[in-house]
Amino acid sequence: MAAHKRTSAAVVAGALTALLVAAPASTALAADGDMEKCYGVAKAGQNDCAAGEGTTCQGTSTVDGQKNAWIYLPAGLCEKLVGGSLEEA
């Protein structure tokens, strides 16, 4: 059952990542407080920014779930996802 929950969370994170990468308004929503930075859940190359040393910004994370790469997610969702954190690791 626990493996199923992890798989479900990964599927949700992947789907949200795909939606948010395609949504140019995510930065504006974040400024309104409806979105928050979520570290550790972005798929490789799908982060919004801050992918750590040796990278430049958006789309530069090198592995799935990179702990110092973030994506914008709706406020309150990040910590419900496996590996999700509001703070950079």
PDB file of N, CA and C in Angstrom:
ATOM      1  N   MET A   1       0.817  -1.196   0.000  1.00  0.00           N
ATOM      2  CA  MET A   1       0.000   0.000   0.000  1.00  0.00           C
ATOM      3  C   MET A   1       0.865   1.266   0.000  1.00  0.00           C
ATOM      4  N   ALA A   2       1.973   1.251   0.750  1.00  0.00           N
ATOM      5  CA  ALA A   2       2.843   2.425   0.803  1.00  0.00           C
ATOM      6  C   ALA A   2       3.469   2.700  -0.554  1.00  0.00           C
ATOM      7  N   ALA A   3       3.829   1.654  -1.285  1.00  0.00           N
ATOM      8  CA  ALA A   3       4.410   1.847  -2.624  1.00  0.00           C
ATOM      9  C   ALA A   3       3.391   2.481  -3.548  1.00  0.00           C
ATOM     10  N   HIS A   4       2.132   2.092  -3.396  1.00  0.00           N
ATOM     11  CA  HIS A   4       1.066   2.679  -4.217  1.00  0.00           C
ATOM     12  C   HIS A   4       0.925   4.171  -3.928  1.00  0.00           C
ATOM     13  N   LYS A   5       1.013   4.573  -2.672  1.00  0.00           N
ATOM     14  CA  LYS A   5       0.921   5.987  -2.311  1.00  0.00           C
ATOM     15  C   LYS A   5       2.088   6.776  -2.891  1.00  0.00           C
ATOM     16  N   ARG A   6       3.298   6.195  -2.850  1.00  0.00           N
ATOM     17  CA  ARG A   6       4.460   6.879  -3.421  1.00  0.00           C
ATOM     18  C   ARG A   6       4.301   7.037  -4.920  1.00  0.00           C
ATOM     19  N   THR A   7       3.816   5.984  -5.582  1.00  0.00           N
ATOM     20  CA  THR A   7       3.606   6.052  -7.027  1.00  0.00           C
ATOM     21  C   THR A   7       2.557   7.097  -7.357  1.00  0.00           C
ATOM     22  N   SER A   8       1.462   7.118  -6.606  1.00  0.00           N
ATOM     23  CA  SER A   8       0.413   8.105  -6.841  1.00  0.00           C
ATOM     24  C   SER A   8       0.939   9.526  -6.654  1.00  0.00           C
ATOM     25  N   ALA A   9       1.727   9.741  -5.620  1.00  0.00           N
ATOM     26  CA  ALA A   9       2.281  11.072  -5.380  1.00  0.00           C
ATOM     27  C   ALA A   9       3.219  11.468  -6.515  1.00  0.00           C
ATOM     28  N   ALA A  10       3.997  10.524  -7.019  1.00  0.00           N
ATOM     29  CA  ALA A  10       4.909  10.823  -8.124  1.00  0.00           C
ATOM     30  C   ALA A  10       4.133  11.174  -9.383  1.00  0.00           C
ATOM     31  N   VAL A  11       3.031  10.464  -9.623  1.00  0.00           N
ATOM     32  CA  VAL A  11       2.193  10.753 -10.796  1.00  0.00           C
ATOM     33  C   VAL A  11       1.579  12.136 -10.674  1.00  0.00           C
ATOM     34  N   VAL A  12       1.066  12.464  -9.488  1.00  0.00           N
ATOM     35  CA  VAL A  12       0.477  13.788  -9.260  1.00  0.00           C
ATOM     36  C   VAL A  12       1.539  14.868  -9.439  1.00  0.00           C
ATOM     37  N   ALA A  13       2.707  14.668  -8.869  1.00  0.00           N
ATOM     38  CA  ALA A  13       3.781  15.658  -8.998  1.00  0.00           C
ATOM     39  C   ALA A  13       4.178  15.842 -10.459  1.00  0.00           C
ATOM     40  N   GLY A  14       4.279  14.751 -11.193  1.00  0.00           N
ATOM     41  CA  GLY A  14       4.623  14.847 -12.604  1.00  0.00           C
ATOM     42  C   GLY A  14       3.576  15.591 -13.404  1.00  0.00           C
ATOM     43  N   ALA A  15       2.305  15.309 -13.119  1.00  0.00           N
ATOM     44  CA  ALA A  15       1.219  15.990 -13.830  1.00  0.00           C
ATOM     45  C   ALA A  15       1.196  17.474 -13.483  1.00  0.00           C
ATOM     46  N   LEU A  16       1.374  17.793 -12.211  1.00  0.00           N
ATOM     47  CA  LEU A  16       1.397  19.199 -11.807  1.00  0.00           C
ATOM     48  C   LEU A  16       2.581  19.920 -12.422  1.00  0.00           C
ATOM     49  N   THR A  17       3.710  19.249 -12.469  1.00  0.00           N
ATOM     50  CA  THR A  17       4.893  19.859 -13.079  1.00  0.00           C
ATOM     51  C   THR A  17       4.609  20.197 -14.533  1.00  0.00           C
ATOM     52  N   ALA A  18       4.030  19.261 -15.258  1.00  0.00           N
ATOM     53  CA  ALA A  18       3.734  19.497 -16.674  1.00  0.00           C
ATOM     54  C   ALA A  18       2.773  20.662 -16.848  1.00  0.00           C
ATOM     55  N   LEU A  19       1.772  20.733 -16.000  1.00  0.00           N
ATOM     56  CA  LEU A  19       0.806  21.831 -16.087  1.00  0.00           C
ATOM     57  C   LEU A  19       1.441  23.168 -15.754  1.00  0.00           C
ATOM     58  N   LEU A  20       2.245  23.198 -14.709  1.00  0.00           N
ATOM     59  CA  LEU A  20       2.818  24.457 -14.258  1.00  0.00           C
ATOM     60  C   LEU A  20       3.917  24.967 -15.174  1.00  0.00           C
ATOM     61  N   VAL A  21       4.652  24.066 -15.786  1.00  0.00           N
ATOM     62  CA  VAL A  21       5.683  24.495 -16.727  1.00  0.00           C
ATOM     63  C   VAL A  21       5.032  25.181 -17.912  1.00  0.00           C
ATOM     64  N   ALA A  22       3.841  24.713 -18.289  1.00  0.00           N
ATOM     65  CA  ALA A  22       3.132  25.288 -19.425  1.00  0.00           C
ATOM     66  C   ALA A  22       2.344  26.540 -19.054  1.00  0.00           C
ATOM     67  N   ALA A  23       2.256  26.852 -17.768  1.00  0.00           N
ATOM     68  CA  ALA A  23       1.432  27.973 -17.318  1.00  0.00           C
ATOM     69  C   ALA A  23       2.286  29.197 -17.032  1.00  0.00           C
ATOM     70  N   PRO A  24       2.359  30.160 -17.949  1.00  0.00           N
ATOM     71  CA  PRO A  24       3.196  31.334 -17.726  1.00  0.00           C
ATOM     72  C   PRO A  24       2.710  32.225 -16.589  1.00  0.00           C
ATOM     73  N   ALA A  25       1.487  32.038 -16.144  1.00  0.00           N
ATOM     74  CA  ALA A  25       0.943  32.880 -15.081  1.00  0.00           C
ATOM     75  C   ALA A  25       1.363  32.408 -13.693  1.00  0.00           C
ATOM     76  N   SER A  26       2.136  31.314 -13.593  1.00  0.00           N
ATOM     77  CA  SER A  26       2.478  30.786 -12.266  1.00  0.00           C
ATOM     78  C   SER A  26       3.251  31.786 -11.426  1.00  0.00           C
ATOM     79  N   THR A  27       4.092  32.601 -12.034  1.00  0.00           N
ATOM     80  CA  THR A  27       4.844  33.612 -11.282  1.00  0.00           C
ATOM     81  C   THR A  27       3.900  34.664 -10.722  1.00  0.00           C
ATOM     82  N   ALA A  28       2.919  35.083 -11.501  1.00  0.00           N
ATOM     83  CA  ALA A  28       1.951  36.067 -11.021  1.00  0.00           C
ATOM     84  C   ALA A  28       1.119  35.483  -9.889  1.00  0.00           C
ATOM     85  N   LEU A  29       0.726  34.228 -10.004  1.00  0.00           N
ATOM     86  CA  LEU A  29      -0.041  33.581  -8.940  1.00  0.00           C
ATOM     87  C   LEU A  29       0.784  33.470  -7.669  1.00  0.00           C
ATOM     88  N   ALA A  30       2.075  33.181  -7.816  1.00  0.00           N
ATOM     89  CA  ALA A  30       2.943  33.070  -6.650  1.00  0.00           C
ATOM     90  C   ALA A  30       3.017  34.397  -5.906  1.00  0.00           C
ATOM     91  N   ALA A  31       3.038  35.492  -6.636  1.00  0.00           N
ATOM     92  CA  ALA A  31       3.090  36.808  -6.007  1.00  0.00           C
ATOM     93  C   ALA A  31       1.828  37.085  -5.204  1.00  0.00           C
ATOM     94  N   ASP A  32       0.717  36.481  -5.601  1.00  0.00           N
ATOM     95  CA  ASP A  32      -0.543  36.663  -4.889  1.00  0.00           C
ATOM     96  C   ASP A  32      -0.663  35.733  -3.689  1.00  0.00           C
ATOM     97  N   GLY A  33       0.280  34.811  -3.518  1.00  0.00           N
ATOM     98  CA  GLY A  33       0.237  33.889  -2.391  1.00  0.00           C
ATOM     99  C   GLY A  33      -0.555  32.633  -2.638  1.00  0.00           C
ATOM    100  N   ASP A  34      -1.028  32.425  -3.882  1.00  0.00           N
ATOM    101  CA  ASP A  34      -1.781  31.220  -4.206  1.00  0.00           C
ATOM    102  C   ASP A  34      -0.867  30.048  -4.527  1.00  0.00           C
ATOM    103  N   MET A  35       0.412  30.349  -4.772  1.00  0.00           N
ATOM    104  CA  MET A  35       1.385  29.330  -5.132  1.00  0.00           C
ATOM    105  C   MET A  35       2.571  29.438  -4.176  1.00  0.00           C
ATOM    106  N   GLU A  36       3.326  28.337  -4.068  1.00  0.00           N
ATOM    107  CA  GLU A  36       4.518  28.353  -3.235  1.00  0.00           C
ATOM    108  C   GLU A  36       5.614  27.520  -3.901  1.00  0.00           C
ATOM    109  N   LYS A  37       6.849  27.836  -3.567  1.00  0.00           N
ATOM    110  CA  LYS A  37       7.973  27.068  -4.090  1.00  0.00           C
ATOM    111  C   LYS A  37       7.999  25.718  -3.390  1.00  0.00           C
ATOM    112  N   CYS A  38       8.099  24.660  -4.183  1.00  0.00           N
ATOM    113  CA  CYS A  38       8.169  23.313  -3.638  1.00  0.00           C
ATOM    114  C   CYS A  38       9.451  22.655  -4.143  1.00  0.00           C
ATOM    115  N   TYR A  39      10.329  22.324  -3.230  1.00  0.00           N
ATOM    116  CA  TYR A  39      11.610  21.700  -3.554  1.00  0.00           C
ATOM    117  C   TYR A  39      11.479  20.176  -3.534  1.00  0.00           C
ATOM    118  N   GLY A  40      12.237  19.521  -4.400  1.00  0.00           N
ATOM    119  CA  GLY A  40      12.365  18.064  -4.343  1.00  0.00           C
ATOM    120  C   GLY A  40      11.323  17.265  -5.096  1.00  0.00           C
ATOM    121  N   VAL A  41      10.469  17.891  -5.883  1.00  0.00           N
ATOM    122  CA  VAL A  41       9.439  17.128  -6.600  1.00  0.00           C
ATOM    123  C   VAL A  41       9.487  17.305  -8.112  1.00  0.00           C
ATOM    124  N   ALA A  42      10.297  18.216  -8.607  1.00  0.00           N
ATOM    125  CA  ALA A  42      10.344  18.462 -10.055  1.00  0.00           C
ATOM    126  C   ALA A  42      11.019  17.309 -10.786  1.00  0.00           C
ATOM    127  N   LYS A  43      10.527  17.000 -11.961  1.00  0.00           N
ATOM    128  CA  LYS A  43      11.174  16.034 -12.836  1.00  0.00           C
ATOM    129  C   LYS A  43      12.423  16.707 -13.418  1.00  0.00           C
ATOM    130  N   ALA A  44      13.397  15.918 -13.832  1.00  0.00           N
ATOM    131  CA  ALA A  44      14.623  16.445 -14.430  1.00  0.00           C
ATOM    132  C   ALA A  44      14.281  17.367 -15.595  1.00  0.00           C
ATOM    133  N   GLY A  45      14.857  18.563 -15.564  1.00  0.00           N
ATOM    134  CA  GLY A  45      14.650  19.520 -16.637  1.00  0.00           C
ATOM    135  C   GLY A  45      13.318  20.253 -16.588  1.00  0.00           C
ATOM    136  N   GLN A  46      12.530  20.053 -15.529  1.00  0.00           N
ATOM    137  CA  GLN A  46      11.215  20.675 -15.442  1.00  0.00           C
ATOM    138  C   GLN A  46      11.073  21.662 -14.285  1.00  0.00           C
ATOM    139  N   ASN A  47      12.172  22.015 -13.649  1.00  0.00           N
ATOM    140  CA  ASN A  47      12.107  22.936 -12.509  1.00  0.00           C
ATOM    141  C   ASN A  47      11.826  24.361 -12.979  1.00  0.00           C
ATOM    142  N   ASP A  48      11.254  25.169 -12.090  1.00  0.00           N
ATOM    143  CA  ASP A  48      10.986  26.566 -12.410  1.00  0.00           C
ATOM    144  C   ASP A  48      12.241  27.413 -12.248  1.00  0.00           C
ATOM    145  N   CYS A  49      13.089  27.117 -11.288  1.00  0.00           N
ATOM    146  CA  CYS A  49      14.345  27.848 -11.112  1.00  0.00           C
ATOM    147  C   CYS A  49      15.144  27.224  -9.976  1.00  0.00           C
ATOM    148  N   ALA A  50      16.300  27.808  -9.680  1.00  0.00           N
ATOM    149  CA  ALA A  50      17.163  27.391  -8.567  1.00  0.00           C
ATOM    150  C   ALA A  50      17.457  25.899  -8.576  1.00  0.00           C
ATOM    151  N   ALA A  51      18.242  25.466  -9.533  1.00  0.00           N
ATOM    152  CA  ALA A  51      18.580  24.050  -9.629  1.00  0.00           C
ATOM    153  C   ALA A  51      19.964  23.747  -9.090  1.00  0.00           C
ATOM    154  N   GLY A  52      20.532  24.645  -8.329  1.00  0.00           N
ATOM    155  CA  GLY A  52      21.801  24.383  -7.669  1.00  0.00           C
ATOM    156  C   GLY A  52      23.032  24.731  -8.479  1.00  0.00           C
ATOM    157  N   GLU A  53      24.160  24.439  -7.888  1.00  0.00           N
ATOM    158  CA  GLU A  53      25.457  24.769  -8.477  1.00  0.00           C
ATOM    159  C   GLU A  53      25.622  24.099  -9.844  1.00  0.00           C
ATOM    160  N   GLY A  54      26.134  24.862 -10.787  1.00  0.00           N
ATOM    161  CA  GLY A  54      26.378  24.337 -12.113  1.00  0.00           C
ATOM    162  C   GLY A  54      25.200  24.442 -13.065  1.00  0.00           C
ATOM    163  N   THR A  55      24.101  25.007 -12.602  1.00  0.00           N
ATOM    164  CA  THR A  55      22.924  25.183 -13.454  1.00  0.00           C
ATOM    165  C   THR A  55      22.573  26.666 -13.492  1.00  0.00           C
ATOM    166  N   THR A  56      21.734  27.044 -14.426  1.00  0.00           N
ATOM    167  CA  THR A  56      21.412  28.459 -14.571  1.00  0.00           C
ATOM    168  C   THR A  56      20.055  28.823 -14.013  1.00  0.00           C
ATOM    169  N   CYS A  57      19.018  28.119 -14.391  1.00  0.00           N
ATOM    170  CA  CYS A  57      17.687  28.468 -13.886  1.00  0.00           C
ATOM    171  C   CYS A  57      16.652  27.480 -14.395  1.00  0.00           C
ATOM    172  N   GLN A  58      15.571  27.985 -14.962  1.00  0.00           N
ATOM    173  CA  GLN A  58      14.442  27.157 -15.371  1.00  0.00           C
ATOM    174  C   GLN A  58      14.857  26.031 -16.310  1.00  0.00           C
ATOM    175  N   GLY A  59      14.372  24.822 -16.000  1.00  0.00           N
ATOM    176  CA  GLY A  59      14.617  23.676 -16.855  1.00  0.00           C
ATOM    177  C   GLY A  59      16.011  23.104 -16.790  1.00  0.00           C
ATOM    178  N   THR A  60      16.763  23.394 -15.729  1.00  0.00           N
ATOM    179  CA  THR A  60      18.158  22.959 -15.668  1.00  0.00           C
ATOM    180  C   THR A  60      18.441  21.916 -14.592  1.00  0.00           C
ATOM    181  N   SER A  61      17.426  21.423 -13.902  1.00  0.00           N
ATOM    182  CA  SER A  61      17.683  20.362 -12.929  1.00  0.00           C
ATOM    183  C   SER A  61      18.139  19.118 -13.685  1.00  0.00           C
ATOM    184  N   THR A  62      18.973  18.327 -13.058  1.00  0.00           N
ATOM    185  CA  THR A  62      19.591  17.207 -13.762  1.00  0.00           C
ATOM    186  C   THR A  62      19.016  15.848 -13.395  1.00  0.00           C
ATOM    187  N   VAL A  63      18.268  15.756 -12.292  1.00  0.00           N
ATOM    188  CA  VAL A  63      17.680  14.483 -11.872  1.00  0.00           C
ATOM    189  C   VAL A  63      16.264  14.724 -11.358  1.00  0.00           C
ATOM    190  N   ASP A  64      15.443  13.695 -11.407  1.00  0.00           N
ATOM    191  CA  ASP A  64      14.111  13.772 -10.816  1.00  0.00           C
ATOM    192  C   ASP A  64      14.241  13.978  -9.310  1.00  0.00           C
ATOM    193  N   GLY A  65      13.428  14.848  -8.750  1.00  0.00           N
ATOM    194  CA  GLY A  65      13.411  15.049  -7.300  1.00  0.00           C
ATOM    195  C   GLY A  65      14.632  15.740  -6.743  1.00  0.00           C
ATOM    196  N   GLN A  66      15.345  16.492  -7.559  1.00  0.00           N
ATOM    197  CA  GLN A  66      16.547  17.196  -7.087  1.00  0.00           C
ATOM    198  C   GLN A  66      16.168  18.100  -5.919  1.00  0.00           C
ATOM    199  N   LYS A  67      16.849  17.952  -4.805  1.00  0.00           N
ATOM    200  CA  LYS A  67      16.459  18.609  -3.547  1.00  0.00           C
ATOM    201  C   LYS A  67      16.665  20.120  -3.522  1.00  0.00           C
ATOM    202  N   ASN A  68      17.425  20.667  -4.472  1.00  0.00           N
ATOM    203  CA  ASN A  68      17.620  22.116  -4.485  1.00  0.00           C
ATOM    204  C   ASN A  68      16.962  22.763  -5.706  1.00  0.00           C
ATOM    205  N   ALA A  69      16.105  22.021  -6.389  1.00  0.00           N
ATOM    206  CA  ALA A  69      15.344  22.556  -7.523  1.00  0.00           C
ATOM    207  C   ALA A  69      13.880  22.643  -7.110  1.00  0.00           C
ATOM    208  N   TRP A  70      13.221  23.730  -7.530  1.00  0.00           N
ATOM    209  CA  TRP A  70      11.829  23.902  -7.109  1.00  0.00           C
ATOM    210  C   TRP A  70      10.918  24.170  -8.293  1.00  0.00           C
ATOM    211  N   ILE A  71       9.627  23.945  -8.028  1.00  0.00           N
ATOM    212  CA  ILE A  71       8.558  24.321  -8.954  1.00  0.00           C
ATOM    213  C   ILE A  71       7.489  25.017  -8.125  1.00  0.00           C
ATOM    214  N   TYR A  72       6.714  25.868  -8.779  1.00  0.00           N
ATOM    215  CA  TYR A  72       5.568  26.472  -8.104  1.00  0.00           C
ATOM    216  C   TYR A  72       4.425  25.468  -8.074  1.00  0.00           C
ATOM    217  N   LEU A  73       3.828  25.300  -6.901  1.00  0.00           N
ATOM    218  CA  LEU A  73       2.653  24.458  -6.726  1.00  0.00           C
ATOM    219  C   LEU A  73       1.604  25.255  -5.960  1.00  0.00           C
ATOM    220  N   PRO A  74       0.345  24.866  -6.071  1.00  0.00           N
ATOM    221  CA  PRO A  74      -0.679  25.539  -5.286  1.00  0.00           C
ATOM    222  C   PRO A  74      -0.339  25.464  -3.790  1.00  0.00           C
ATOM    223  N   ALA A  75      -0.546  26.557  -3.093  1.00  0.00           N
ATOM    224  CA  ALA A  75      -0.231  26.624  -1.666  1.00  0.00           C
ATOM    225  C   ALA A  75      -0.905  25.473  -0.917  1.00  0.00           C
ATOM    226  N   GLY A  76      -0.127  24.813  -0.062  1.00  0.00           N
ATOM    227  CA  GLY A  76      -0.638  23.725   0.758  1.00  0.00           C
ATOM    228  C   GLY A  76      -0.435  22.341   0.159  1.00  0.00           C
ATOM    229  N   LEU A  77      -0.035  22.238  -1.092  1.00  0.00           N
ATOM    230  CA  LEU A  77       0.123  20.937  -1.741  1.00  0.00           C
ATOM    231  C   LEU A  77       1.508  20.331  -1.536  1.00  0.00           C
ATOM    232  N   CYS A  78       2.527  21.133  -1.515  1.00  0.00           N
ATOM    233  CA  CYS A  78       3.910  20.656  -1.509  1.00  0.00           C
ATOM    234  C   CYS A  78       4.190  19.615  -0.426  1.00  0.00           C
ATOM    235  N   GLU A  79       3.872  19.923   0.785  1.00  0.00           N
ATOM    236  CA  GLU A  79       4.221  19.031   1.894  1.00  0.00           C
ATOM    237  C   GLU A  79       3.372  17.762   1.929  1.00  0.00           C
ATOM    238  N   LYS A  80       2.381  17.665   1.070  1.00  0.00           N
ATOM    239  CA  LYS A  80       1.579  16.455   0.953  1.00  0.00           C
ATOM    240  C   LYS A  80       2.211  15.461  -0.019  1.00  0.00           C
ATOM    241  N   LEU A  81       3.182  15.920  -0.812  1.00  0.00           N
ATOM    242  CA  LEU A  81       3.836  15.079  -1.802  1.00  0.00           C
ATOM    243  C   LEU A  81       5.082  14.421  -1.233  1.00  0.00           C
ATOM    244  N   VAL A  82       5.328  13.187  -1.605  1.00  0.00           N
ATOM    245  CA  VAL A  82       6.531  12.493  -1.180  1.00  0.00           C
ATOM    246  C   VAL A  82       7.745  13.256  -1.694  1.00  0.00           C
ATOM    247  N   GLY A  83       8.639  13.624  -0.809  1.00  0.00           N
ATOM    248  CA  GLY A  83       9.843  14.352  -1.180  1.00  0.00           C
ATOM    249  C   GLY A  83       9.665  15.859  -1.234  1.00  0.00           C
ATOM    250  N   GLY A  84       8.438  16.344  -1.125  1.00  0.00           N
ATOM    251  CA  GLY A  84       8.166  17.775  -1.192  1.00  0.00           C
ATOM    252  C   GLY A  84       8.594  18.504   0.063  1.00  0.00           C
ATOM    253  N   SER A  85       9.204  19.668  -0.119  1.00  0.00           N
ATOM    254  CA  SER A  85       9.659  20.483   1.002  1.00  0.00           C
ATOM    255  C   SER A  85       9.548  21.963   0.630  1.00  0.00           C
ATOM    256  N   LEU A  86       9.194  22.779   1.593  1.00  0.00           N
ATOM    257  CA  LEU A  86       9.131  24.217   1.366  1.00  0.00           C
ATOM    258  C   LEU A  86      10.504  24.864   1.506  1.00  0.00           C
ATOM    259  N   GLU A  87      11.499  24.074   1.918  1.00  0.00           N
ATOM    260  CA  GLU A  87      12.857  24.590   2.088  1.00  0.00           C
ATOM    261  C   GLU A  87      13.840  23.792   1.256  1.00  0.00           C
ATOM    262  N   GLU A  88      14.813  24.487   0.703  1.00  0.00           N
ATOM    263  CA  GLU A  88      15.856  23.844  -0.086  1.00  0.00           C
ATOM    264  C   GLU A  88      16.680  22.916   0.804  1.00  0.00           C
ATOM    265  N   ALA A  89      16.996  21.741   0.288  1.00  0.00           N
ATOM    266  CA  ALA A  89      17.800  20.787   1.067  1.00  0.00           C
ATOM    267  C   ALA A  89      19.258  20.878   0.659  1.00  0.00           C
TER     268      ALA A  89
END
